[in-house]
Amino acid sequence: DPHFLGAAADGMALDVPRVATAAENVEHGGALPSQLAQKIPGSDVQILIFLLHFLQSEGLSAVPVFINGGYVRDLLLGKEPDDLDLSLCLRDCPEEVTVASLLDRVGAFATSRPELGVSQVKVATILSNESKDKNIDTFKAYFIDAGGKKTEVDVMPTIGEETYDADSRKPIRDQRGVPEDDALRRDLTIGALLLRVTLAEGDAGGLSYEFLDFYNGVEDIKRGVLRSPCPKNKTLDEVRFMVLRTQADEAIAAQLGVEGWPQERALQTLWWAKILIDDPVRICRALRFAAKLRFELHETFWGAVPFALEALHVKAAGSRKNTEYLKIAGYGFKSISAFFEVAFGFTFGANGELRLPPPLFRGQ
């Protein structure tokens, strides 16, 4: 369990008002309330309508389109969202239909349908470095409207369940996944929220939004808690096999006493460990969101972190860590103070022997 070094404290609770949320009237599988839908910028609505008509022209009108990630979270926090990230569920499509193959034709469609308001689509990159490493079919593009406004959009497939070879830690990713599996791979429940977007029925020409919350992200927003998604259909033994892939991992689990924990705690901790091992910079991200939103880190964070500390220390690029810290600096003094309170104020591990600063502030 984590121990706070300094003034008495309970977890990471700070003496600040909770950020106001607009999450009271949303539920899984329900329509996004109109007061939240109205916060979606008109330029993003235009792009979504354009993409849905493009899919119709390709004979793919049944392909589900989702807004994901921080965009949905910010809507529920009462903020105007940015960074439009989309995912397409290609599960029922022919194998030759990929995000990249669709990209090849979207520019010509923009030229042929100027009335949809997108005059040009420019590809920024087919694959990010991270996506290349993970062999994910994705692209980043700029959608330019008739007035010359440029909007950056990331588009990728819904990623399904990850599997592992017996002798490898590198996951094999199913790029024909379902949205529930895609949400599970996110690092925090508050970023695992989805909006399925469809063209509204009738002649109004607008959009309909179905809200999807597979892992109780809304409840975590209401409670002010940061927690990773956790699978509902896997046993503890299955998760142990996925996570404890080396003798070092087994040793950490033994030192922490995972075997003696309640099953729910052990399952949540080990799954979060998997998420952090896959990308240890997510430790920095979790600290950033705790500082930004004044949310508490769920207790299982501190059990998960030891499994990824070494990778954060020696493998994670210092430039990626620095990007997270610069974002924290941009949030202002209170957020900076909250970050340093957690980064330097807690010990954790089996005997409280671990601290965050060495791996946080060293890197390649």
Foldseek 3Di string as FASTA:
>chain_A
DKDFFDPDDDFLFDPDDFQDWQLPPADAQAWDDPVLVVLADPVVQLVVLLVCVLCVVVVNNVWWKKFFFVQVLCSGSVHRGAATEMATQCLPPPPVDAPVVSVVCSQVSLCVCLVSFFNGKAWPDQDDPLCVVLVFGKTWIWTAGPVGDTGIYIYGYQWADWDDDLQDLRTDIRRNHDLLRSLQLDLWQSRSKMWTWHFDPDDPRGIITTIHRNACNSVCSVQLETFHRFDPPDFLVVLCSNQQNDPVSVVQCVLQVLVPDDRVLSRRLSSSLSSCQSPVLVVLVVLLCCLLRVGGYPPSPLSSNVSNLVCLQEPDAQVSLVVSVVVQVVSDDSSNVSSCSQQATMFGGSVSPDGRPNSSRHYD
